[in-house]
Amino acid sequence: MKSLAKLKAEIEAEQAEVDALDESVHEAKKVKRFEDERTRRVQQEYTALSAKHEFIESNYDYTTAASDMNLEVFKNVVRSNSEVNDTVAGFVTKVDTVKKEVNKILASR
């Protein structure tokens, strides 16, 4: 027959194991609650955006926007893009020049 001290030691060991498992279950429930809330919020956002998309698709008239456009609009877009490209090209050239100067200074050290 087991002694009372051995039985108490076994009970304490088992209780420690139960406490550890209980703590892990508690943490898992907190994570699940958080993830469920996040999933619910994302689903609400998706539903709202889907309804908005459906509303826009059903009410937007694509033909009026296209008929208001003419060749001049596209020419302006092309000219604007060319100006931006020229500006960026000048900037890139200046950056390359500065980079070469920095490399020369670093190489001379």
N, C-alpha and C. Protein backbone atom coordinates (compact mmCIF):
# COMPACT_ATOMS: atom_id res chain seq x y z
N MET A 1 0.85 -1.17 0.00
CA MET A 1 0.00 0.00 0.00
C MET A 1 0.90 1.24 0.00
N LYS A 2 0.49 2.24 -0.77
CA LYS A 2 1.30 3.45 -0.89
C LYS A 2 1.13 4.30 0.36
N SER A 3 2.18 4.95 0.69
CA SER A 3 2.11 5.81 1.87
C SER A 3 1.40 7.11 1.52
N LEU A 4 0.95 7.76 2.53
CA LEU A 4 0.22 9.02 2.38
C LEU A 4 1.09 10.08 1.72
N ALA A 5 2.35 10.14 2.02
CA ALA A 5 3.29 11.14 1.45
C ALA A 5 3.45 10.90 -0.05
N LYS A 6 3.55 9.62 -0.45
CA LYS A 6 3.69 9.31 -1.88
C LYS A 6 2.42 9.71 -2.64
N LEU A 7 1.27 9.43 -2.05
CA LEU A 7 0.02 9.79 -2.70
C LEU A 7 -0.11 11.30 -2.83
N LYS A 8 0.27 12.05 -1.79
CA LYS A 8 0.22 13.51 -1.86
C LYS A 8 1.16 14.03 -2.94
N ALA A 9 2.34 13.42 -3.05
CA ALA A 9 3.31 13.84 -4.07
C ALA A 9 2.75 13.59 -5.47
N GLU A 10 2.11 12.44 -5.68
CA GLU A 10 1.50 12.13 -6.97
C GLU A 10 0.38 13.11 -7.29
N ILE A 11 -0.44 13.40 -6.29
CA ILE A 11 -1.55 14.33 -6.48
C ILE A 11 -1.01 15.72 -6.82
N GLU A 12 0.03 16.16 -6.13
CA GLU A 12 0.61 17.47 -6.42
C GLU A 12 1.20 17.52 -7.83
N ALA A 13 1.86 16.45 -8.26
CA ALA A 13 2.43 16.39 -9.60
C ALA A 13 1.33 16.44 -10.65
N GLU A 14 0.29 15.66 -10.42
CA GLU A 14 -0.83 15.65 -11.36
C GLU A 14 -1.55 17.01 -11.37
N GLN A 15 -1.68 17.64 -10.20
CA GLN A 15 -2.32 18.95 -10.13
C GLN A 15 -1.49 20.00 -10.87
N ALA A 16 -0.18 19.92 -10.78
CA ALA A 16 0.69 20.85 -11.51
C ALA A 16 0.51 20.67 -13.01
N GLU A 17 0.39 19.41 -13.44
CA GLU A 17 0.17 19.13 -14.86
C GLU A 17 -1.18 19.68 -15.31
N VAL A 18 -2.20 19.48 -14.48
CA VAL A 18 -3.54 20.00 -14.79
C VAL A 18 -3.51 21.52 -14.85
N ASP A 19 -2.82 22.15 -13.91
CA ASP A 19 -2.72 23.62 -13.91
C ASP A 19 -2.04 24.12 -15.18
N ALA A 20 -0.97 23.44 -15.61
CA ALA A 20 -0.27 23.84 -16.83
C ALA A 20 -1.19 23.69 -18.04
N LEU A 21 -1.91 22.59 -18.11
CA LEU A 21 -2.84 22.38 -19.22
C LEU A 21 -3.97 23.41 -19.19
N ASP A 22 -4.45 23.72 -18.00
CA ASP A 22 -5.51 24.71 -17.85
C ASP A 22 -5.04 26.08 -18.35
N GLU A 23 -3.80 26.42 -18.01
CA GLU A 23 -3.24 27.70 -18.45
C GLU A 23 -3.12 27.74 -19.98
N SER A 24 -2.67 26.64 -20.58
CA SER A 24 -2.54 26.62 -22.04
C SER A 24 -3.91 26.70 -22.71
N VAL A 25 -4.92 26.06 -22.13
CA VAL A 25 -6.27 26.15 -22.67
C VAL A 25 -6.79 27.58 -22.55
N HIS A 26 -6.51 28.23 -21.43
CA HIS A 26 -6.94 29.62 -21.22
C HIS A 26 -6.30 30.53 -22.27
N GLU A 27 -5.01 30.36 -22.52
CA GLU A 27 -4.31 31.16 -23.54
C GLU A 27 -4.88 30.88 -24.93
N ALA A 28 -5.15 29.62 -25.22
CA ALA A 28 -5.70 29.25 -26.53
C ALA A 28 -7.09 29.88 -26.72
N LYS A 29 -7.88 29.92 -25.66
CA LYS A 29 -9.21 30.55 -25.75
C LYS A 29 -9.09 32.04 -26.01
N LYS A 30 -8.09 32.70 -25.37
CA LYS A 30 -7.89 34.13 -25.61
C LYS A 30 -7.51 34.38 -27.08
N VAL A 31 -6.61 33.55 -27.61
CA VAL A 31 -6.20 33.69 -29.01
C VAL A 31 -7.39 33.44 -29.93
N LYS A 32 -8.17 32.42 -29.63
CA LYS A 32 -9.35 32.10 -30.46
C LYS A 32 -10.34 33.25 -30.44
N ARG A 33 -10.57 33.82 -29.27
CA ARG A 33 -11.49 34.96 -29.15
C ARG A 33 -11.00 36.13 -30.00
N PHE A 34 -9.70 36.41 -29.92
CA PHE A 34 -9.13 37.51 -30.70
C PHE A 34 -9.27 37.24 -32.19
N GLU A 35 -8.94 36.03 -32.63
CA GLU A 35 -9.03 35.68 -34.05
C GLU A 35 -10.48 35.68 -34.54
N ASP A 36 -11.39 35.22 -33.70
CA ASP A 36 -12.81 35.26 -34.08
C ASP A 36 -13.28 36.69 -34.27
N GLU A 37 -12.87 37.58 -33.38
CA GLU A 37 -13.25 38.99 -33.49
C GLU A 37 -12.66 39.60 -34.76
N ARG A 38 -11.41 39.28 -35.05
CA ARG A 38 -10.76 39.79 -36.26
C ARG A 38 -11.46 39.25 -37.51
N THR A 39 -11.78 37.98 -37.50
CA THR A 39 -12.48 37.38 -38.64
C THR A 39 -13.85 38.03 -38.83
N ARG A 40 -14.56 38.27 -37.75
CA ARG A 40 -15.87 38.90 -37.84
C ARG A 40 -15.75 40.31 -38.43
N ARG A 41 -14.76 41.06 -37.97
CA ARG A 41 -14.55 42.43 -38.47
C ARG A 41 -14.18 42.43 -39.96
N VAL A 42 -13.29 41.52 -40.34
CA VAL A 42 -12.89 41.43 -41.75
C VAL A 42 -14.08 41.03 -42.61
N GLN A 43 -14.89 40.12 -42.13
CA GLN A 43 -16.08 39.70 -42.88
C GLN A 43 -17.05 40.87 -43.04
N GLN A 44 -17.22 41.68 -42.00
CA GLN A 44 -18.09 42.86 -42.10
C GLN A 44 -17.55 43.85 -43.13
N GLU A 45 -16.24 44.08 -43.09
CA GLU A 45 -15.63 44.99 -44.07
C GLU A 45 -15.81 44.46 -45.49
N TYR A 46 -15.60 43.15 -45.66
CA TYR A 46 -15.76 42.54 -46.98
C TYR A 46 -17.20 42.68 -47.47
N THR A 47 -18.16 42.44 -46.58
CA THR A 47 -19.57 42.57 -46.96
C THR A 47 -19.90 44.00 -47.36
N ALA A 48 -19.40 44.96 -46.59
CA ALA A 48 -19.67 46.37 -46.90
C ALA A 48 -19.03 46.76 -48.22
N LEU A 49 -17.79 46.35 -48.44
CA LEU A 49 -17.12 46.69 -49.70
C LEU A 49 -17.75 45.98 -50.89
N SER A 50 -18.21 44.77 -50.69
CA SER A 50 -18.89 44.05 -51.77
C SER A 50 -20.19 44.77 -52.15
N ALA A 51 -20.93 45.22 -51.13
CA ALA A 51 -22.18 45.94 -51.41
C ALA A 51 -21.87 47.26 -52.12
N LYS A 52 -20.83 47.94 -51.69
CA LYS A 52 -20.44 49.19 -52.34
C LYS A 52 -20.04 48.93 -53.79
N HIS A 53 -19.25 47.89 -54.02
CA HIS A 53 -18.83 47.54 -55.38
C HIS A 53 -20.04 47.22 -56.25
N GLU A 54 -20.94 46.43 -55.71
CA GLU A 54 -22.14 46.06 -56.47
C GLU A 54 -22.98 47.31 -56.80
N PHE A 55 -23.11 48.22 -55.84
CA PHE A 55 -23.86 49.46 -56.07
C PHE A 55 -23.21 50.28 -57.18
N ILE A 56 -21.89 50.42 -57.11
CA ILE A 56 -21.19 51.21 -58.13
C ILE A 56 -21.32 50.55 -59.49
N GLU A 57 -21.14 49.25 -59.55
CA GLU A 57 -21.25 48.54 -60.83
C GLU A 57 -22.65 48.67 -61.43
N SER A 58 -23.66 48.65 -60.59
CA SER A 58 -25.02 48.70 -61.12
C SER A 58 -25.44 50.11 -61.51
N ASN A 59 -24.83 51.14 -60.89
CA ASN A 59 -25.28 52.51 -61.16
C ASN A 59 -24.33 53.34 -62.02
N TYR A 60 -23.13 52.89 -62.25
CA TYR A 60 -22.17 53.68 -63.01
C TYR A 60 -22.39 53.45 -64.50
N ASP A 61 -22.45 54.53 -65.23
CA ASP A 61 -22.64 54.45 -66.68
C ASP A 61 -21.29 54.68 -67.34
N TYR A 62 -20.70 53.62 -67.83
CA TYR A 62 -19.37 53.72 -68.43
C TYR A 62 -19.37 54.47 -69.75
N THR A 63 -20.49 54.51 -70.43
CA THR A 63 -20.53 55.13 -71.76
C THR A 63 -20.38 56.64 -71.68
N THR A 64 -20.93 57.30 -70.64
CA THR A 64 -20.84 58.76 -70.58
C THR A 64 -19.41 59.20 -70.31
N ALA A 65 -18.69 58.46 -69.47
CA ALA A 65 -17.32 58.85 -69.18
C ALA A 65 -16.45 58.71 -70.42
N ALA A 66 -16.66 57.68 -71.19
CA ALA A 66 -15.86 57.48 -72.39
C ALA A 66 -16.21 58.49 -73.47
N SER A 67 -17.47 58.86 -73.57
CA SER A 67 -17.86 59.78 -74.63
C SER A 67 -17.37 61.20 -74.35
N ASP A 68 -17.14 61.53 -73.07
CA ASP A 68 -16.63 62.86 -72.74
C ASP A 68 -15.15 63.00 -73.04
N MET A 69 -14.45 61.92 -73.21
CA MET A 69 -13.03 61.98 -73.46
C MET A 69 -12.77 62.19 -74.95
N ASN A 70 -11.70 62.91 -75.24
CA ASN A 70 -11.32 63.10 -76.63
C ASN A 70 -9.82 62.90 -76.77
N LEU A 71 -9.31 63.07 -77.95
CA LEU A 71 -7.91 62.82 -78.23
C LEU A 71 -7.01 63.77 -77.44
N GLU A 72 -7.48 64.97 -77.17
CA GLU A 72 -6.68 65.96 -76.45
C GLU A 72 -6.35 65.48 -75.04
N VAL A 73 -7.27 64.76 -74.41
CA VAL A 73 -7.02 64.23 -73.07
C VAL A 73 -5.82 63.29 -73.10
N PHE A 74 -5.77 62.42 -74.08
CA PHE A 74 -4.67 61.46 -74.17
C PHE A 74 -3.36 62.16 -74.52
N LYS A 75 -3.43 63.18 -75.34
CA LYS A 75 -2.22 63.95 -75.67
C LYS A 75 -1.67 64.62 -74.41
N ASN A 76 -2.56 65.16 -73.58
CA ASN A 76 -2.13 65.78 -72.33
C ASN A 76 -1.47 64.76 -71.39
N VAL A 77 -2.03 63.58 -71.35
CA VAL A 77 -1.46 62.53 -70.50
C VAL A 77 -0.07 62.15 -70.99
N VAL A 78 0.08 61.99 -72.30
CA VAL A 78 1.38 61.64 -72.86
C VAL A 78 2.40 62.75 -72.61
N ARG A 79 1.99 64.00 -72.79
CA ARG A 79 2.89 65.13 -72.56
C ARG A 79 3.31 65.19 -71.09
N SER A 80 2.36 64.99 -70.20
CA SER A 80 2.65 65.00 -68.78
C SER A 80 3.63 63.89 -68.42
N ASN A 81 3.41 62.71 -68.96
CA ASN A 81 4.32 61.59 -68.69
C ASN A 81 5.71 61.88 -69.23
N SER A 82 5.80 62.49 -70.38
CA SER A 82 7.10 62.84 -70.94
C SER A 82 7.83 63.84 -70.05
N GLU A 83 7.09 64.84 -69.54
CA GLU A 83 7.71 65.83 -68.66
C GLU A 83 8.21 65.17 -67.37
N VAL A 84 7.42 64.27 -66.84
CA VAL A 84 7.83 63.58 -65.62
C VAL A 84 9.06 62.73 -65.90
N ASN A 85 9.07 62.02 -67.01
CA ASN A 85 10.21 61.18 -67.36
C ASN A 85 11.48 62.02 -67.54
N ASP A 86 11.37 63.18 -68.17
CA ASP A 86 12.52 64.06 -68.35
C ASP A 86 13.04 64.55 -67.01
N THR A 87 12.13 64.93 -66.12
CA THR A 87 12.52 65.42 -64.80
C THR A 87 13.23 64.32 -64.02
N VAL A 88 12.68 63.12 -64.04
CA VAL A 88 13.28 61.99 -63.32
C VAL A 88 14.63 61.64 -63.93
N ALA A 89 14.75 61.70 -65.25
CA ALA A 89 16.02 61.38 -65.90
C ALA A 89 17.11 62.36 -65.45
N GLY A 90 16.76 63.65 -65.37
CA GLY A 90 17.72 64.64 -64.89
C GLY A 90 18.14 64.36 -63.46
N PHE A 91 17.19 64.00 -62.64
CA PHE A 91 17.47 63.69 -61.24
C PHE A 91 18.39 62.48 -61.13
N VAL A 92 18.10 61.45 -61.92
CA VAL A 92 18.91 60.23 -61.88
C VAL A 92 20.34 60.54 -62.32
N THR A 93 20.50 61.40 -63.31
CA THR A 93 21.83 61.79 -63.77
C THR A 93 22.60 62.48 -62.65
N LYS A 94 21.92 63.40 -61.95
CA LYS A 94 22.58 64.10 -60.83
C LYS A 94 22.95 63.12 -59.72
N VAL A 95 22.08 62.19 -59.42
CA VAL A 95 22.36 61.20 -58.37
C VAL A 95 23.55 60.34 -58.77
N ASP A 96 23.63 59.94 -60.03
CA ASP A 96 24.77 59.16 -60.50
C ASP A 96 26.07 59.93 -60.37
N THR A 97 26.03 61.22 -60.69
CA THR A 97 27.22 62.06 -60.57
C THR A 97 27.67 62.13 -59.11
N VAL A 98 26.73 62.38 -58.21
CA VAL A 98 27.07 62.45 -56.78
C VAL A 98 27.59 61.11 -56.30
N LYS A 99 27.00 60.02 -56.76
CA LYS A 99 27.43 58.68 -56.36
C LYS A 99 28.88 58.43 -56.79
N LYS A 100 29.23 58.83 -58.01
CA LYS A 100 30.59 58.66 -58.51
C LYS A 100 31.57 59.48 -57.67
N GLU A 101 31.18 60.72 -57.33
CA GLU A 101 32.05 61.57 -56.52
C GLU A 101 32.26 60.95 -55.14
N VAL A 102 31.20 60.43 -54.53
CA VAL A 102 31.31 59.80 -53.22
C VAL A 102 32.21 58.58 -53.29
N ASN A 103 32.06 57.78 -54.35
CA ASN A 103 32.90 56.59 -54.51
C ASN A 103 34.37 56.98 -54.67
N LYS A 104 34.66 58.09 -55.40
CA LYS A 104 36.03 58.56 -55.56
C LYS A 104 36.61 58.97 -54.22
N ILE A 105 35.79 59.68 -53.42
CA ILE A 105 36.26 60.13 -52.10
C ILE A 105 36.53 58.94 -51.19
N LEU A 106 35.63 57.97 -51.22
CA LEU A 106 35.81 56.78 -50.38
C LEU A 106 37.01 55.96 -50.84
N ALA A 107 37.24 55.91 -52.15
CA ALA A 107 38.37 55.14 -52.68
C ALA A 107 39.69 55.82 -52.33
N SER A 108 39.69 57.12 -52.23
CA SER A 108 40.94 57.84 -51.93
C SER A 108 41.33 57.73 -50.46
N ARG A 109 40.48 57.29 -49.62
CA ARG A 109 40.77 57.19 -48.17
C ARG A 109 41.62 56.00 -47.86
